[in-house]
N, C-alpha and C. Protein backbone atom coordinates (compact mmCIF):
# COMPACT_ATOMS: atom_id res chain seq x y z
N UNK A 1 177.73 97.40 68.79
CA UNK A 1 177.03 97.20 67.53
C UNK A 1 176.20 95.92 67.64
N UNK A 2 174.96 95.99 67.15
CA UNK A 2 174.07 94.85 67.23
C UNK A 2 174.44 93.81 66.17
N UNK A 3 174.45 92.58 66.57
CA UNK A 3 174.74 91.51 65.63
C UNK A 3 173.57 91.35 64.68
N UNK A 4 173.86 90.77 63.51
CA UNK A 4 172.80 90.55 62.52
C UNK A 4 171.68 89.70 63.07
N UNK A 5 172.01 88.64 63.80
CA UNK A 5 170.98 87.75 64.36
C UNK A 5 170.09 88.53 65.33
N UNK A 6 170.70 89.39 66.17
CA UNK A 6 169.93 90.20 67.11
C UNK A 6 169.02 91.17 66.36
N UNK A 7 169.54 91.80 65.34
CA UNK A 7 168.75 92.74 64.55
C UNK A 7 167.59 92.01 63.87
N UNK A 8 167.85 90.83 63.37
CA UNK A 8 166.82 90.03 62.71
C UNK A 8 165.73 89.64 63.71
N UNK A 9 166.13 89.25 64.90
CA UNK A 9 165.15 88.89 65.94
C UNK A 9 164.32 90.11 66.34
N UNK A 10 164.96 91.24 66.46
CA UNK A 10 164.25 92.47 66.81
C UNK A 10 163.24 92.82 65.72
N UNK A 11 163.67 92.70 64.48
CA UNK A 11 162.77 93.00 63.35
C UNK A 11 161.56 92.06 63.36
N UNK A 12 161.81 90.77 63.59
CA UNK A 12 160.70 89.79 63.63
C UNK A 12 159.76 90.07 64.80
N UNK A 13 160.31 90.45 65.96
CA UNK A 13 159.48 90.76 67.11
C UNK A 13 158.61 91.97 66.83
N UNK A 14 159.19 93.01 66.24
CA UNK A 14 158.42 94.21 65.91
C UNK A 14 157.34 93.90 64.87
N UNK A 15 157.66 93.04 63.91
CA UNK A 15 156.66 92.63 62.91
C UNK A 15 155.49 91.91 63.60
N UNK A 16 155.79 91.01 64.52
CA UNK A 16 154.72 90.30 65.26
C UNK A 16 153.89 91.28 66.07
N UNK A 17 154.54 92.22 66.73
CA UNK A 17 153.83 93.22 67.52
C UNK A 17 152.92 94.07 66.63
N UNK A 18 153.43 94.43 65.45
CA UNK A 18 152.63 95.22 64.51
C UNK A 18 151.42 94.46 64.01
N UNK A 19 151.61 93.20 63.69
CA UNK A 19 150.47 92.38 63.22
C UNK A 19 149.43 92.21 64.32
N UNK A 20 149.90 91.99 65.54
CA UNK A 20 148.97 91.87 66.67
C UNK A 20 148.21 93.18 66.84
N UNK A 21 148.90 94.31 66.77
CA UNK A 21 148.25 95.61 66.90
C UNK A 21 147.19 95.79 65.81
N UNK A 22 147.46 95.34 64.60
CA UNK A 22 146.48 95.45 63.51
C UNK A 22 145.24 94.61 63.80
N UNK A 23 145.42 93.40 64.32
CA UNK A 23 144.28 92.54 64.64
C UNK A 23 143.46 93.12 65.79
N UNK A 24 144.15 93.65 66.81
CA UNK A 24 143.44 94.26 67.93
C UNK A 24 142.68 95.50 67.45
N UNK A 25 143.30 96.30 66.60
CA UNK A 25 142.64 97.49 66.06
C UNK A 25 141.40 97.10 65.25
N UNK A 26 141.51 96.05 64.45
CA UNK A 26 140.36 95.60 63.66
C UNK A 26 139.22 95.14 64.58
N UNK A 27 139.54 94.39 65.61
CA UNK A 27 138.52 93.94 66.56
C UNK A 27 137.87 95.14 67.24
N UNK A 28 138.68 96.11 67.62
CA UNK A 28 138.17 97.32 68.26
C UNK A 28 137.21 98.06 67.33
N UNK A 29 137.58 98.14 66.05
CA UNK A 29 136.70 98.79 65.07
C UNK A 29 135.37 98.03 64.94
N UNK A 30 135.43 96.72 64.93
CA UNK A 30 134.21 95.92 64.87
C UNK A 30 133.31 96.25 66.06
N UNK A 31 133.91 96.33 67.24
CA UNK A 31 133.13 96.67 68.44
C UNK A 31 132.52 98.06 68.36
N UNK A 32 133.13 98.93 67.54
CA UNK A 32 132.61 100.29 67.34
C UNK A 32 131.61 100.36 66.17
N UNK A 33 131.28 99.20 65.59
CA UNK A 33 130.26 99.16 64.54
C UNK A 33 130.76 99.15 63.12
N UNK A 34 132.05 99.02 62.93
CA UNK A 34 132.62 98.95 61.58
C UNK A 34 132.61 97.51 61.08
N UNK A 35 132.54 97.36 59.79
CA UNK A 35 132.72 96.07 59.13
C UNK A 35 134.13 96.06 58.55
N UNK A 36 134.91 95.05 58.85
CA UNK A 36 136.27 94.96 58.32
C UNK A 36 136.21 94.36 56.93
N UNK A 37 136.69 95.10 55.95
CA UNK A 37 136.70 94.63 54.57
C UNK A 37 138.03 93.98 54.21
N UNK A 38 139.11 94.42 54.84
CA UNK A 38 140.43 93.86 54.54
C UNK A 38 141.41 94.17 55.66
N UNK A 39 142.30 93.22 55.89
CA UNK A 39 143.45 93.41 56.76
C UNK A 39 144.69 93.28 55.91
N UNK A 40 145.63 94.19 56.09
CA UNK A 40 146.88 94.15 55.31
C UNK A 40 146.59 94.04 53.81
N UNK A 41 145.77 94.92 53.32
CA UNK A 41 145.38 94.92 51.90
C UNK A 41 146.58 95.34 51.05
N UNK A 42 147.09 94.41 50.30
CA UNK A 42 148.28 94.68 49.47
C UNK A 42 147.85 95.03 48.04
N UNK A 43 148.49 96.05 47.51
CA UNK A 43 148.29 96.43 46.11
C UNK A 43 149.67 96.63 45.50
N UNK A 44 149.74 96.78 44.19
CA UNK A 44 151.05 97.02 43.56
C UNK A 44 151.74 98.32 44.03
N UNK A 45 150.98 99.26 44.58
CA UNK A 45 151.58 100.53 44.99
C UNK A 45 151.75 100.67 46.50
N UNK A 46 151.28 99.71 47.26
CA UNK A 46 151.44 99.78 48.71
C UNK A 46 150.42 98.95 49.44
N UNK A 47 150.42 99.11 50.74
CA UNK A 47 149.56 98.32 51.62
C UNK A 47 148.77 99.23 52.54
N UNK A 48 147.54 98.79 52.85
CA UNK A 48 146.72 99.47 53.85
C UNK A 48 146.51 98.47 54.98
N UNK A 49 146.79 98.90 56.21
CA UNK A 49 146.71 97.97 57.34
C UNK A 49 145.30 97.43 57.54
N UNK A 50 144.31 98.32 57.61
CA UNK A 50 142.93 97.91 57.83
C UNK A 50 142.03 98.76 56.93
N UNK A 51 141.10 98.10 56.27
CA UNK A 51 140.06 98.82 55.52
C UNK A 51 138.74 98.44 56.17
N UNK A 52 138.04 99.46 56.66
CA UNK A 52 136.80 99.24 57.39
C UNK A 52 135.69 100.10 56.80
N UNK A 53 134.47 99.61 56.97
CA UNK A 53 133.30 100.33 56.43
C UNK A 53 132.28 100.50 57.54
N UNK A 54 131.71 101.70 57.60
CA UNK A 54 130.62 101.98 58.53
C UNK A 54 129.63 102.84 57.77
N UNK A 55 128.49 102.28 57.48
CA UNK A 55 127.52 102.99 56.65
C UNK A 55 128.10 103.19 55.26
N UNK A 56 128.13 104.43 54.81
CA UNK A 56 128.70 104.76 53.50
C UNK A 56 130.13 105.28 53.60
N UNK A 57 130.78 105.05 54.71
CA UNK A 57 132.13 105.55 54.94
C UNK A 57 133.15 104.42 54.88
N UNK A 58 134.18 104.61 54.07
CA UNK A 58 135.33 103.71 54.06
C UNK A 58 136.43 104.37 54.85
N UNK A 59 136.97 103.63 55.81
CA UNK A 59 138.10 104.13 56.59
C UNK A 59 139.33 103.31 56.21
N UNK A 60 140.34 103.99 55.72
CA UNK A 60 141.63 103.37 55.41
C UNK A 60 142.52 103.68 56.60
N UNK A 61 142.83 102.65 57.36
CA UNK A 61 143.42 102.83 58.68
C UNK A 61 144.87 102.37 58.71
N UNK A 62 145.74 103.25 59.16
CA UNK A 62 147.13 102.91 59.42
C UNK A 62 147.23 102.63 60.92
N UNK A 63 147.85 101.51 61.27
CA UNK A 63 147.99 101.12 62.68
C UNK A 63 149.46 101.20 63.04
N UNK A 64 149.74 101.88 64.14
CA UNK A 64 151.12 102.00 64.61
C UNK A 64 151.18 101.59 66.08
N UNK A 65 152.08 100.67 66.39
CA UNK A 65 152.36 100.27 67.77
C UNK A 65 153.55 101.08 68.24
N UNK A 66 153.28 102.06 69.09
CA UNK A 66 154.32 102.95 69.59
C UNK A 66 154.07 103.23 71.07
N UNK A 67 155.06 103.74 71.74
CA UNK A 67 154.95 104.00 73.18
C UNK A 67 153.98 105.13 73.48
N UNK A 68 153.92 106.14 72.60
CA UNK A 68 153.05 107.28 72.84
C UNK A 68 152.27 107.62 71.58
N UNK A 69 151.21 108.38 71.77
CA UNK A 69 150.42 108.83 70.63
C UNK A 69 151.25 109.71 69.71
N UNK A 70 152.07 110.60 70.29
CA UNK A 70 152.93 111.46 69.48
C UNK A 70 153.89 110.63 68.63
N UNK A 71 154.46 109.58 69.23
CA UNK A 71 155.36 108.70 68.46
C UNK A 71 154.62 108.07 67.28
N UNK A 72 153.39 107.64 67.51
CA UNK A 72 152.60 107.03 66.44
C UNK A 72 152.30 108.05 65.34
N UNK A 73 151.92 109.26 65.75
CA UNK A 73 151.62 110.30 64.76
C UNK A 73 152.85 110.63 63.92
N UNK A 74 154.00 110.71 64.56
CA UNK A 74 155.23 111.04 63.83
C UNK A 74 155.74 109.89 62.98
N UNK A 75 155.29 108.67 63.27
CA UNK A 75 155.77 107.50 62.53
C UNK A 75 155.19 107.42 61.12
N UNK A 76 154.10 108.16 60.86
CA UNK A 76 153.48 108.13 59.54
C UNK A 76 153.77 109.46 58.86
N UNK A 77 154.67 109.42 57.90
CA UNK A 77 155.08 110.63 57.19
C UNK A 77 154.07 110.99 56.11
N UNK A 78 154.10 112.22 55.63
CA UNK A 78 153.23 112.59 54.51
C UNK A 78 153.44 111.66 53.30
N UNK A 79 154.68 111.25 53.07
CA UNK A 79 154.96 110.32 51.97
C UNK A 79 154.25 108.98 52.19
N UNK A 80 154.25 108.51 53.43
CA UNK A 80 153.56 107.25 53.75
C UNK A 80 152.05 107.41 53.55
N UNK A 81 151.49 108.54 53.99
CA UNK A 81 150.06 108.77 53.79
C UNK A 81 149.73 108.78 52.29
N UNK A 82 150.59 109.40 51.50
CA UNK A 82 150.35 109.44 50.04
C UNK A 82 150.37 108.03 49.45
N UNK A 83 151.28 107.20 49.93
CA UNK A 83 151.33 105.81 49.46
C UNK A 83 150.07 105.06 49.87
N UNK A 84 149.60 105.29 51.09
CA UNK A 84 148.36 104.66 51.56
C UNK A 84 147.19 105.12 50.70
N UNK A 85 147.16 106.40 50.37
CA UNK A 85 146.08 106.92 49.51
C UNK A 85 146.11 106.28 48.13
N UNK A 86 147.29 106.10 47.57
CA UNK A 86 147.40 105.42 46.27
C UNK A 86 146.93 103.98 46.37
N UNK A 87 147.33 103.30 47.43
CA UNK A 87 146.90 101.91 47.63
C UNK A 87 145.39 101.84 47.81
N UNK A 88 144.82 102.80 48.53
CA UNK A 88 143.37 102.84 48.72
C UNK A 88 142.65 103.02 47.39
N UNK A 89 143.18 103.88 46.54
CA UNK A 89 142.56 104.11 45.23
C UNK A 89 142.61 102.85 44.37
N UNK A 90 143.73 102.16 44.37
CA UNK A 90 143.86 100.92 43.59
C UNK A 90 142.93 99.86 44.15
N UNK A 91 142.90 99.70 45.46
CA UNK A 91 142.06 98.68 46.08
C UNK A 91 140.58 98.95 45.79
N UNK A 92 140.17 100.22 45.95
CA UNK A 92 138.77 100.57 45.76
C UNK A 92 138.35 100.47 44.30
N UNK A 93 139.27 100.71 43.38
CA UNK A 93 138.94 100.61 41.95
C UNK A 93 138.50 99.20 41.58
N UNK A 94 138.93 98.22 42.34
CA UNK A 94 138.55 96.83 42.10
C UNK A 94 137.19 96.48 42.70
N UNK A 95 136.60 97.41 43.44
CA UNK A 95 135.35 97.16 44.17
C UNK A 95 134.28 98.15 43.74
N UNK A 96 133.60 97.87 42.64
CA UNK A 96 132.57 98.78 42.13
C UNK A 96 131.41 98.92 43.11
N UNK A 97 131.22 97.95 43.99
CA UNK A 97 130.15 98.03 44.98
C UNK A 97 130.40 99.11 46.03
N UNK A 98 131.61 99.66 46.06
CA UNK A 98 131.96 100.68 47.04
C UNK A 98 132.10 102.07 46.42
N UNK A 99 131.71 102.21 45.16
CA UNK A 99 131.95 103.47 44.44
C UNK A 99 131.18 104.65 45.03
N UNK A 100 130.10 104.40 45.76
CA UNK A 100 129.31 105.50 46.32
C UNK A 100 129.73 105.85 47.74
N UNK A 101 130.80 105.28 48.24
CA UNK A 101 131.26 105.53 49.61
C UNK A 101 132.17 106.75 49.69
N UNK A 102 132.09 107.42 50.84
CA UNK A 102 133.05 108.48 51.16
C UNK A 102 134.28 107.81 51.75
N UNK A 103 135.43 108.50 51.69
CA UNK A 103 136.69 107.96 52.19
C UNK A 103 137.20 108.81 53.33
N UNK A 104 137.93 108.12 54.23
CA UNK A 104 138.61 108.81 55.31
C UNK A 104 139.89 108.04 55.63
N UNK A 105 140.93 108.76 56.03
CA UNK A 105 142.21 108.15 56.40
C UNK A 105 142.39 108.32 57.90
N UNK A 106 142.43 107.19 58.61
CA UNK A 106 142.52 107.19 60.06
C UNK A 106 143.85 106.62 60.53
N UNK A 107 144.18 106.91 61.76
CA UNK A 107 145.34 106.33 62.42
C UNK A 107 144.88 105.73 63.73
N UNK A 108 145.29 104.50 63.98
CA UNK A 108 145.06 103.90 65.29
C UNK A 108 146.42 103.63 65.90
N UNK A 109 146.61 104.18 67.10
CA UNK A 109 147.87 104.01 67.83
C UNK A 109 147.64 102.99 68.94
N UNK A 110 148.44 101.93 68.89
CA UNK A 110 148.45 100.95 69.97
C UNK A 110 149.61 101.34 70.87
N UNK A 111 149.30 101.64 72.11
CA UNK A 111 150.29 102.22 73.02
C UNK A 111 150.50 101.32 74.23
N UNK A 112 151.04 100.15 74.01
CA UNK A 112 151.30 99.24 75.12
C UNK A 112 150.02 98.77 75.76
N UNK A 113 149.92 98.89 77.07
CA UNK A 113 148.73 98.41 77.77
C UNK A 113 147.62 99.46 77.83
N UNK A 114 147.90 100.67 77.36
CA UNK A 114 146.87 101.71 77.36
C UNK A 114 145.85 101.45 76.26
N UNK A 115 144.65 102.03 76.39
CA UNK A 115 143.64 101.85 75.34
C UNK A 115 144.14 102.38 73.99
N UNK A 116 143.60 101.82 72.94
CA UNK A 116 143.94 102.29 71.60
C UNK A 116 143.49 103.74 71.45
N UNK A 117 144.21 104.48 70.63
CA UNK A 117 143.83 105.85 70.29
C UNK A 117 143.44 105.85 68.82
N UNK A 118 142.21 106.25 68.53
CA UNK A 118 141.70 106.28 67.15
C UNK A 118 141.60 107.73 66.71
N UNK A 119 142.47 108.12 65.80
CA UNK A 119 142.46 109.47 65.25
C UNK A 119 141.71 109.41 63.93
N UNK A 120 140.48 109.87 63.94
CA UNK A 120 139.66 109.87 62.73
C UNK A 120 140.10 111.03 61.84
N UNK A 121 140.10 110.76 60.53
CA UNK A 121 140.44 111.81 59.57
C UNK A 121 141.82 112.39 59.88
N UNK A 122 142.79 111.51 60.12
CA UNK A 122 144.14 111.91 60.51
C UNK A 122 144.90 112.61 59.40
N UNK A 123 144.49 112.38 58.16
CA UNK A 123 145.22 112.95 57.03
C UNK A 123 144.24 113.15 55.88
N UNK A 124 144.50 114.16 55.07
CA UNK A 124 143.70 114.41 53.86
C UNK A 124 144.64 114.57 52.68
N UNK A 125 144.32 113.94 51.56
CA UNK A 125 145.20 114.02 50.38
C UNK A 125 145.43 115.43 49.89
N UNK A 126 144.46 116.33 50.09
CA UNK A 126 144.60 117.69 49.57
C UNK A 126 145.26 118.64 50.57
N UNK A 127 145.69 118.12 51.72
CA UNK A 127 146.32 118.99 52.72
C UNK A 127 147.75 119.28 52.31
N UNK A 128 148.15 120.53 52.45
CA UNK A 128 149.53 120.92 52.12
C UNK A 128 150.52 120.35 53.12
N UNK A 129 150.12 120.35 54.37
CA UNK A 129 151.01 119.85 55.43
C UNK A 129 150.18 118.97 56.35
N UNK A 130 150.85 118.02 56.94
CA UNK A 130 150.15 117.12 57.83
C UNK A 130 150.40 117.49 59.24
């Protein structure tokens, strides 16, 4: 059984890895022509890891640091996507300058030393199953 101190250290290490993955993903998006509007955008209903804009498109991006792309895809449940969508709606409601933008929900998987995987349009609010 893992001691509390060990579990706490593991949790802190994973949190650091996740934050680093979010910063790397944001930089990667900038290199792809996106403007980063927010990192770790917190709202009363949830958080969005990265909010990026390219032209008239807003991308609400969930970043997962996992060993494989499949692990990253499975790490974001439909319930989590719904929470991200609610957070996106709350965040965007505060920004009238973005009211004419289209929305998309993306996933970026950070997979160790391998290149990032960017899954555009990874989820849709009206989809019955993900």
